[in-house]
Amino acid sequence: MYQSVYGSVHQRNLIYVKYIFFKILGLAPWKLNLVTKPSKNRTAKTIICKFSYLGLLYNVLLTTSVFLMTSYFCHQHNSVQAQVDSLVTPSTMMNLQYFAVILSSSVFLNYTCRQKDMIGILNEIIKIDKKLQKYAFNSAKNGNIIINLIFLGHLIICSTLICLQYFFLQSFWLAVLRCWPAFLYCWLIVQYTIMLDMMEKRFKFINLNIVKLGEIKVNSEGLEPVSATRISFLRESVLYDVVNIKDNYNKLCDICNDISDFYGLPFLKVMMYHGTSTILILYFMLVAYYESKEFHLLLFIKDVGFVLWMVFQIIILTTFVNKTIDKSEETPNIINTLMSRCVMHEKVEKELINFLRELSFRKVKFTAWGIISIDRSLLATIAGTTATYLIILIQFRASTPN
């Protein structure tokens, strides 16, 4: 994924590593170009995103390959899950696997058909970063440790779950294909989280610069002589900063809406898959407990780990959503505080009032295709829905003769 590239070579290399990883998974069909542009004092390096027909072809081939290989292995004797009973039959599990593959394949379709939308989002972020450079913005200096730890943590978890699946299935490719939908959705959420982290950093930086506007004061007490030219310069400078900040803030809000629109439908599919998987795993665990079936420690660790992993993904995403929304909602309070505590020129005050008026109509919000809000309440909603369907499934099994 893209992050500001005005940092070190190490930072740029890390960006390219993530980009290549997402490209292999089919989650980055676009092309990154490092453009070198000479400036007065140094050579500026900027990453720009372009449409890639090769990436489009790769996604089509990847979708076809995954679907065909999964269809083949689903018909093999050893591909049927051991966790089946009279209610959740082998044919039911096979149909659910087909459904999971279709859902995951449609994610590739979303990236393939809407490649230009994401390219527009990333390039718009680059343009904003160029404007914020005037205020010494550099995302590389704002901390990427948490995002890098999330990326590395998910990579370790994915590798561990593949190893556990391999232990039970004794086939590496079958283990990979069995885990493929879950892993694809996992990295989609990681990519979504990276985008949210980029937005949160830029909202935070804009808020800090609004606070700094209060540090530029015209000497009204007459303790030091200030020329009329100097006062005029300060007023024009502050006015320019307010207009520039307002423009960048509005563009960030538009980008947030575009990001929510791009990931909305894929994330709805993520919740459908995670919800179904969690219900089935908990269902078989409860059945095994009440029927006193033979306890398999590794199977228990795999199932519990898988459920906790899916919950962890949702917690991480909603946390970054809330951080982004909170930073965007801090802006009106900061402006009100600035206006109440600082004496400013009429033009500057008027521009800040217009900024506040626009903020009342611009609300950053992230949803799953406009159906479910992605915020702190999402985990509770998922937990309640999962518990409801799990109870229904258990009651239906209890009323069904063996």
Protein backbone atom coordinates (compact mmCIF):
# COMPACT_ATOMS: atom_id res chain seq x y z
CA MET A 1 0.00 0.00 0.00
CA TYR A 2 0.98 3.61 -0.40
CA GLN A 3 2.33 5.69 2.42
CA SER A 4 4.16 8.98 2.23
CA VAL A 5 7.43 8.40 0.49
CA TYR A 6 9.42 11.36 1.60
CA GLY A 7 11.20 9.22 4.19
CA SER A 8 14.22 6.99 4.03
CA VAL A 9 15.14 4.30 1.53
CA HIS A 10 14.27 1.74 4.21
CA GLN A 11 10.77 3.20 4.45
CA ARG A 12 10.27 3.07 0.68
CA ASN A 13 11.53 -0.51 0.56
CA LEU A 14 9.03 -1.47 3.26
CA ILE A 15 6.25 0.11 1.23
CA TYR A 16 7.25 -1.89 -1.83
CA VAL A 17 7.41 -5.14 0.18
CA LYS A 18 3.83 -4.63 1.36
CA TYR A 19 2.76 -3.64 -2.15
CA ILE A 20 4.28 -6.80 -3.69
CA PHE A 21 2.68 -8.95 -0.97
CA PHE A 22 -0.77 -7.48 -1.62
CA LYS A 23 -0.22 -7.76 -5.36
CA ILE A 24 0.52 -11.50 -5.06
CA LEU A 25 -2.75 -11.90 -3.15
CA GLY A 26 -4.61 -9.99 -5.88
CA LEU A 27 -5.36 -7.02 -3.60
CA ALA A 28 -3.20 -4.49 -5.45
CA PRO A 29 -3.64 -4.82 -9.23
CA TRP A 30 -2.46 -1.25 -9.84
CA LYS A 31 1.14 -0.22 -10.59
CA LEU A 32 3.43 1.92 -8.44
CA ASN A 33 5.96 4.20 -10.11
CA LEU A 34 8.70 6.08 -8.28
CA VAL A 35 9.02 9.43 -10.05
CA THR A 36 12.07 11.65 -9.45
CA LYS A 37 11.48 15.38 -9.80
CA PRO A 38 14.25 17.93 -9.29
CA SER A 39 13.49 20.88 -7.04
CA LYS A 40 15.50 23.91 -5.94
CA ASN A 41 17.29 22.35 -3.01
CA ARG A 42 16.94 18.62 -3.54
CA THR A 43 15.56 15.85 -5.66
CA ALA A 44 11.98 14.98 -4.71
CA LYS A 45 10.82 11.40 -5.01
CA THR A 46 7.14 10.61 -5.28
CA ILE A 47 5.21 7.39 -5.79
CA ILE A 48 2.30 7.59 -8.18
CA CYS A 49 -0.23 4.87 -8.96
CA LYS A 50 -1.20 3.89 -12.49
CA PHE A 51 -3.66 1.50 -14.07
CA SER A 52 -2.15 -1.92 -14.83
CA TYR A 53 -3.55 -4.25 -17.47
CA LEU A 54 -1.07 -6.88 -16.30
CA GLY A 55 -2.49 -6.67 -12.80
CA LEU A 56 -5.99 -6.97 -14.21
CA LEU A 57 -5.01 -10.11 -16.17
CA TYR A 58 -3.28 -11.55 -13.09
CA ASN A 59 -6.42 -11.11 -10.98
CA VAL A 60 -8.56 -12.83 -13.62
CA LEU A 61 -6.15 -15.77 -13.80
CA LEU A 62 -5.89 -15.94 -10.00
CA THR A 63 -9.67 -15.98 -9.62
CA THR A 64 -10.03 -18.74 -12.21
CA SER A 65 -7.21 -20.83 -10.73
CA VAL A 66 -8.48 -20.62 -7.16
CA PHE A 67 -12.03 -21.49 -8.19
CA LEU A 68 -10.99 -24.48 -10.33
CA MET A 69 -8.52 -25.86 -7.79
CA THR A 70 -11.02 -25.52 -4.96
CA SER A 71 -13.71 -27.23 -7.04
CA TYR A 72 -11.33 -30.08 -7.74
CA PHE A 73 -10.25 -30.59 -4.14
CA CYS A 74 -13.81 -30.28 -2.82
CA HIS A 75 -14.69 -33.43 -4.75
CA GLN A 76 -11.80 -35.40 -3.29
CA HIS A 77 -12.55 -37.79 -0.47
CA ASN A 78 -10.02 -36.26 1.94
CA SER A 79 -11.31 -32.71 1.40
CA VAL A 80 -14.56 -33.32 3.31
CA GLN A 81 -14.37 -31.93 6.81
CA ALA A 82 -14.40 -34.40 9.69
CA GLN A 83 -16.73 -32.13 11.65
CA VAL A 84 -20.10 -33.13 10.21
CA ASP A 85 -23.27 -34.59 11.70
CA SER A 86 -26.89 -35.30 10.83
CA LEU A 87 -27.70 -31.58 10.64
CA VAL A 88 -24.57 -30.16 9.04
CA THR A 89 -23.97 -32.87 6.45
CA PRO A 90 -20.93 -33.29 4.17
CA SER A 91 -22.95 -31.94 1.24
CA THR A 92 -23.88 -28.89 3.31
CA MET A 93 -20.23 -28.28 4.15
CA MET A 94 -19.27 -28.65 0.49
CA ASN A 95 -21.92 -26.13 -0.55
CA LEU A 96 -20.68 -23.71 2.10
CA GLN A 97 -17.13 -24.13 0.79
CA TYR A 98 -18.32 -23.35 -2.74
CA PHE A 99 -20.16 -20.32 -1.41
CA ALA A 100 -17.02 -19.13 0.40
CA VAL A 101 -14.98 -19.49 -2.79
CA ILE A 102 -17.55 -17.54 -4.81
CA LEU A 103 -17.55 -14.78 -2.19
CA SER A 104 -13.75 -14.57 -2.11
CA SER A 105 -13.57 -14.62 -5.92
CA SER A 106 -15.96 -11.68 -6.10
CA VAL A 107 -13.45 -9.69 -4.02
CA PHE A 108 -11.01 -10.00 -6.92
CA LEU A 109 -13.79 -8.82 -9.21
CA ASN A 110 -14.25 -5.74 -7.04
CA TYR A 111 -10.54 -4.89 -7.20
CA THR A 112 -10.38 -5.61 -10.93
CA CYS A 113 -13.42 -3.56 -11.93
CA ARG A 114 -12.78 -0.72 -9.49
CA GLN A 115 -9.03 -0.48 -9.90
CA LYS A 116 -9.32 3.12 -11.14
CA ASP A 117 -11.26 4.10 -7.99
CA MET A 118 -8.45 3.01 -5.69
CA ILE A 119 -5.84 4.58 -7.98
CA GLY A 120 -7.74 7.87 -7.69
CA ILE A 121 -7.83 7.55 -3.89
CA LEU A 122 -4.09 6.87 -3.58
CA ASN A 123 -3.09 9.61 -6.01
CA GLU A 124 -5.33 12.11 -4.21
CA ILE A 125 -3.59 11.24 -0.93
CA ILE A 126 -0.25 11.91 -2.64
CA LYS A 127 -1.49 15.35 -3.77
CA ILE A 128 -2.60 16.18 -0.22
CA ASP A 129 0.80 15.11 1.13
CA LYS A 130 2.52 17.48 -1.29
CA LYS A 131 0.41 20.36 0.01
CA LEU A 132 1.04 19.37 3.61
CA GLN A 133 4.78 19.33 2.99
CA LYS A 134 4.64 23.11 3.42
CA TYR A 135 3.94 22.37 7.08
CA ALA A 136 6.72 19.71 7.27
CA PHE A 137 4.39 16.72 7.06
CA ASN A 138 6.12 13.34 6.85
CA SER A 139 4.14 10.20 7.60
CA ALA A 140 7.36 8.23 8.01
CA LYS A 141 8.08 10.30 11.13
CA ASN A 142 4.58 9.85 12.54
CA GLY A 143 5.09 6.22 13.48
CA ASN A 144 4.32 3.08 11.51
CA ILE A 145 5.31 0.65 14.25
CA ILE A 146 1.76 -0.43 15.15
CA ILE A 147 0.79 -1.03 11.52
CA ASN A 148 3.98 -2.99 10.90
CA LEU A 149 3.33 -5.10 14.00
CA ILE A 150 -0.24 -5.79 12.83
CA PHE A 151 1.08 -6.80 9.41
CA LEU A 152 3.75 -9.07 10.91
CA GLY A 153 1.35 -10.53 13.47
CA HIS A 154 -1.19 -11.54 10.84
CA LEU A 155 1.60 -13.05 8.74
CA ILE A 156 2.68 -15.23 11.69
CA ILE A 157 -0.92 -16.25 12.48
CA CYS A 158 -1.61 -17.19 8.84
CA SER A 159 1.54 -19.33 8.69
CA THR A 160 0.65 -21.05 11.98
CA LEU A 161 -2.91 -21.87 10.87
CA ILE A 162 -1.65 -23.29 7.57
CA CYS A 163 0.73 -25.53 9.51
CA LEU A 164 -2.12 -26.75 11.72
CA GLN A 165 -4.31 -27.40 8.68
CA TYR A 166 -1.44 -29.27 7.04
CA PHE A 167 -1.12 -31.45 10.14
CA PHE A 168 -4.78 -32.53 9.83
CA LEU A 169 -5.06 -32.74 6.03
CA GLN A 170 -1.52 -33.91 5.15
CA SER A 171 -1.61 -31.81 1.98
CA PHE A 172 -0.03 -28.37 1.72
CA TRP A 173 -2.11 -27.16 -1.25
CA LEU A 174 -5.31 -28.49 0.27
CA ALA A 175 -4.46 -26.69 3.52
CA VAL A 176 -3.82 -23.44 1.62
CA LEU A 177 -7.04 -23.71 -0.39
CA ARG A 178 -9.07 -24.58 2.71
CA CYS A 179 -7.75 -21.45 4.43
CA TRP A 180 -7.77 -19.26 1.33
CA PRO A 181 -11.06 -17.36 1.89
CA ALA A 182 -10.17 -16.63 5.52
CA PHE A 183 -6.67 -15.46 4.62
CA LEU A 184 -7.87 -13.30 1.75
CA TYR A 185 -10.43 -11.59 3.97
CA CYS A 186 -7.81 -11.20 6.68
CA TRP A 187 -5.45 -9.28 4.40
CA LEU A 188 -8.31 -7.25 2.98
CA ILE A 189 -9.00 -6.04 6.53
CA VAL A 190 -5.28 -5.37 7.06
CA GLN A 191 -5.22 -3.28 3.88
CA TYR A 192 -8.37 -1.44 5.00
CA THR A 193 -6.67 -0.78 8.35
CA ILE A 194 -3.59 0.65 6.63
CA MET A 195 -5.79 3.06 4.67
CA LEU A 196 -7.54 4.14 7.87
CA ASP A 197 -4.19 4.68 9.58
CA MET A 198 -3.15 6.97 6.71
CA MET A 199 -6.34 9.02 7.11
CA GLU A 200 -6.01 9.25 10.89
CA LYS A 201 -2.45 10.56 10.63
CA ARG A 202 -3.43 13.28 8.20
CA PHE A 203 -6.45 14.41 10.24
CA LYS A 204 -4.21 14.51 13.31
CA PHE A 205 -1.60 16.58 11.47
CA ILE A 206 -4.22 19.06 10.25
CA ASN A 207 -5.57 19.45 13.78
CA LEU A 208 -2.07 20.15 15.09
CA ASN A 209 -1.58 22.85 12.47
CA ILE A 210 -4.90 24.48 13.35
CA VAL A 211 -3.68 24.65 16.96
CA LYS A 212 -0.44 26.24 15.75
CA LEU A 213 -2.42 29.04 14.10
CA GLY A 214 -3.06 30.37 17.61
CA GLU A 215 0.68 30.68 18.15
CA ILE A 216 0.94 33.37 15.43
CA LYS A 217 -0.13 36.50 17.27
CA VAL A 218 -0.10 40.11 16.21
CA ASN A 219 1.20 42.32 19.03
CA SER A 220 -1.99 44.08 20.16
CA GLU A 221 -0.62 45.26 23.53
CA GLY A 222 1.99 47.50 21.94
CA LEU A 223 4.87 46.04 23.95
CA GLU A 224 6.93 45.79 20.79
CA PRO A 225 6.57 47.91 17.66
CA VAL A 226 5.20 45.99 14.70
CA SER A 227 5.03 47.57 11.27
CA ALA A 228 1.81 47.66 9.23
CA THR A 229 3.52 45.62 6.50
CA ARG A 230 4.43 42.92 9.02
CA ILE A 231 0.87 42.79 10.39
CA SER A 232 -0.57 42.53 6.87
CA PHE A 233 1.87 39.74 6.05
CA LEU A 234 0.87 37.78 9.15
CA ARG A 235 -2.82 38.17 8.34
CA GLU A 236 -2.39 37.02 4.77
CA SER A 237 -0.22 34.11 5.88
CA VAL A 238 -2.76 32.91 8.45
CA LEU A 239 -5.60 33.38 5.96
CA TYR A 240 -3.73 31.30 3.38
CA ASP A 241 -3.09 28.58 5.97
CA VAL A 242 -6.76 28.46 6.96
CA VAL A 243 -7.89 28.16 3.33
CA ASN A 244 -5.27 25.51 2.60
CA ILE A 245 -6.10 23.51 5.72
CA LYS A 246 -9.84 23.70 4.99
CA ASP A 247 -9.28 22.49 1.43
CA ASN A 248 -7.14 19.55 2.56
CA TYR A 249 -9.61 18.63 5.31
CA ASN A 250 -12.52 18.56 2.87
CA LYS A 251 -10.53 16.39 0.49
CA LEU A 252 -9.67 13.98 3.31
CA CYS A 253 -13.39 13.67 4.12
CA ASP A 254 -14.11 12.89 0.46
CA ILE A 255 -11.33 10.30 0.43
CA CYS A 256 -12.76 8.67 3.58
CA ASN A 257 -16.14 8.38 1.84
CA ASP A 258 -14.46 6.86 -1.21
CA ILE A 259 -12.56 4.36 0.97
CA SER A 260 -15.78 3.40 2.76
CA ASP A 261 -17.50 2.94 -0.60
CA PHE A 262 -14.64 0.84 -2.02
CA TYR A 263 -14.35 -1.52 0.95
CA GLY A 264 -18.03 -1.51 1.91
CA LEU A 265 -19.25 -4.50 -0.09
CA PRO A 266 -16.07 -6.62 0.41
CA PHE A 267 -16.28 -6.02 4.16
CA LEU A 268 -19.92 -7.11 4.18
CA LYS A 269 -18.74 -10.39 2.63
CA VAL A 270 -16.04 -10.62 5.30
CA MET A 271 -18.68 -10.40 8.03
CA MET A 272 -20.83 -13.02 6.31
CA TYR A 273 -17.90 -15.44 6.08
CA HIS A 274 -16.59 -14.75 9.59
CA GLY A 275 -20.06 -15.04 11.06
CA THR A 276 -20.83 -18.35 9.33
CA SER A 277 -17.42 -19.82 10.19
CA THR A 278 -17.71 -18.78 13.84
CA ILE A 279 -21.21 -20.26 14.18
CA LEU A 280 -20.13 -23.60 12.69
CA ILE A 281 -16.95 -23.83 14.77
CA LEU A 282 -18.76 -23.01 18.03
CA TYR A 283 -21.60 -25.35 17.07
CA PHE A 284 -19.30 -28.36 16.66
CA MET A 285 -17.40 -27.46 19.83
CA LEU A 286 -20.63 -27.39 21.84
CA VAL A 287 -21.87 -30.62 20.28
CA ALA A 288 -18.58 -32.34 21.07
CA TYR A 289 -18.75 -31.07 24.67
CA TYR A 290 -22.35 -32.17 25.37
CA GLU A 291 -21.92 -35.54 23.65
CA SER A 292 -18.59 -36.14 25.41
CA LYS A 293 -16.78 -36.89 22.20
CA GLU A 294 -13.05 -37.57 22.08
CA PHE A 295 -11.07 -34.41 22.83
CA HIS A 296 -8.40 -33.39 20.29
CA LEU A 297 -6.11 -30.72 21.71
CA LEU A 298 -4.68 -29.53 18.38
CA LEU A 299 -8.15 -29.36 16.83
CA PHE A 300 -9.37 -27.36 19.82
CA ILE A 301 -6.39 -24.97 19.58
CA LYS A 302 -6.96 -24.53 15.84
CA ASP A 303 -10.67 -23.80 16.20
CA VAL A 304 -10.34 -21.47 19.19
CA GLY A 305 -7.38 -19.71 17.57
CA PHE A 306 -9.35 -19.24 14.36
CA VAL A 307 -12.32 -17.67 16.17
CA LEU A 308 -10.09 -15.39 18.26
CA TRP A 309 -8.19 -14.40 15.11
CA MET A 310 -11.40 -13.33 13.35
CA VAL A 311 -12.52 -11.38 16.42
CA PHE A 312 -9.09 -9.74 16.60
CA GLN A 313 -9.41 -8.57 12.99
CA ILE A 314 -12.74 -6.86 13.67
CA ILE A 315 -11.38 -5.25 16.87
CA ILE A 316 -8.34 -3.87 15.03
CA LEU A 317 -10.44 -2.48 12.18
CA THR A 318 -13.08 -0.85 14.39
CA THR A 319 -10.33 0.63 16.57
CA PHE A 320 -8.75 2.39 13.59
CA VAL A 321 -12.18 3.46 12.32
CA ASN A 322 -12.91 5.07 15.67
CA LYS A 323 -9.48 6.74 15.76
CA THR A 324 -10.08 8.23 12.31
CA ILE A 325 -13.59 9.44 13.16
CA ASP A 326 -12.45 10.86 16.50
CA LYS A 327 -9.63 12.85 14.88
CA SER A 328 -12.01 14.26 12.27
CA GLU A 329 -14.53 15.22 14.96
CA GLU A 330 -11.87 17.00 17.02
CA THR A 331 -11.48 19.67 14.33
CA PRO A 332 -14.65 21.73 15.11
CA ASN A 333 -13.78 21.81 18.82
CA ILE A 334 -10.23 22.95 18.05
CA ILE A 335 -11.51 25.75 15.77
CA ASN A 336 -14.05 26.91 18.36
CA THR A 337 -11.33 26.98 21.03
CA LEU A 338 -9.00 28.88 18.69
CA MET A 339 -11.67 31.51 17.90
CA SER A 340 -12.61 31.99 21.55
CA ARG A 341 -9.04 32.41 22.83
CA CYS A 342 -7.30 34.28 20.02
CA VAL A 343 -7.88 37.75 18.56
CA MET A 344 -7.78 37.48 14.78
CA HIS A 345 -8.40 39.49 11.68
CA GLU A 346 -11.93 39.75 10.32
CA LYS A 347 -11.09 37.85 7.12
CA VAL A 348 -9.46 35.02 9.07
CA GLU A 349 -12.40 34.79 11.46
CA LYS A 350 -14.85 34.76 8.57
CA GLU A 351 -12.94 31.94 6.88
CA LEU A 352 -12.91 29.90 10.11
CA ILE A 353 -16.67 30.42 10.48
CA ASN A 354 -17.17 29.17 6.93
CA PHE A 355 -14.94 26.21 7.81
CA LEU A 356 -17.14 25.40 10.82
CA ARG A 357 -20.26 25.68 8.70
CA GLU A 358 -18.87 23.20 6.18
CA LEU A 359 -17.82 20.84 8.99
CA SER A 360 -21.45 20.59 10.14
CA PHE A 361 -22.30 18.98 6.78
CA ARG A 362 -19.18 16.80 6.50
CA LYS A 363 -19.27 13.73 8.72
CA VAL A 364 -16.74 10.96 8.33
CA LYS A 365 -18.53 7.62 8.46
CA PHE A 366 -17.59 4.07 7.51
CA THR A 367 -20.21 1.45 6.71
CA ALA A 368 -20.48 -2.03 5.26
CA TRP A 369 -22.18 -1.12 1.97
CA GLY A 370 -24.43 1.35 3.79
CA ILE A 371 -26.09 -1.46 5.76
CA ILE A 372 -24.04 -1.70 8.98
CA SER A 373 -21.97 1.04 10.61
CA ILE A 374 -18.37 0.08 11.25
CA ASP A 375 -17.80 1.48 14.72
CA ARG A 376 -17.54 0.39 18.36
CA SER A 377 -20.98 -1.22 18.26
CA LEU A 378 -20.06 -3.57 15.40
CA LEU A 379 -18.47 -6.26 17.59
CA ALA A 380 -21.52 -6.33 19.88
CA THR A 381 -23.80 -6.62 16.83
CA ILE A 382 -21.77 -9.51 15.43
CA ALA A 383 -21.66 -11.25 18.83
CA GLY A 384 -25.41 -10.93 19.30
CA THR A 385 -26.20 -12.16 15.78
CA THR A 386 -23.78 -15.10 16.11
CA ALA A 387 -25.25 -16.12 19.47
CA THR A 388 -28.80 -15.94 18.09
CA TYR A 389 -28.09 -18.14 15.07
CA LEU A 390 -26.03 -20.55 17.18
CA ILE A 391 -28.92 -21.02 19.60
CA ILE A 392 -31.34 -21.55 16.70
CA LEU A 393 -28.99 -24.13 15.15
CA ILE A 394 -28.61 -26.05 18.43
CA GLN A 395 -32.36 -26.01 19.12
CA PHE A 396 -33.08 -27.21 15.61
CA ARG A 397 -30.59 -30.07 16.04
CA ALA A 398 -32.17 -31.00 19.37
CA SER A 399 -35.63 -31.19 17.78
CA THR A 400 -34.37 -33.23 14.84
CA PRO A 401 -34.36 -37.05 15.31
CA ASN A 402 -30.95 -38.69 14.82
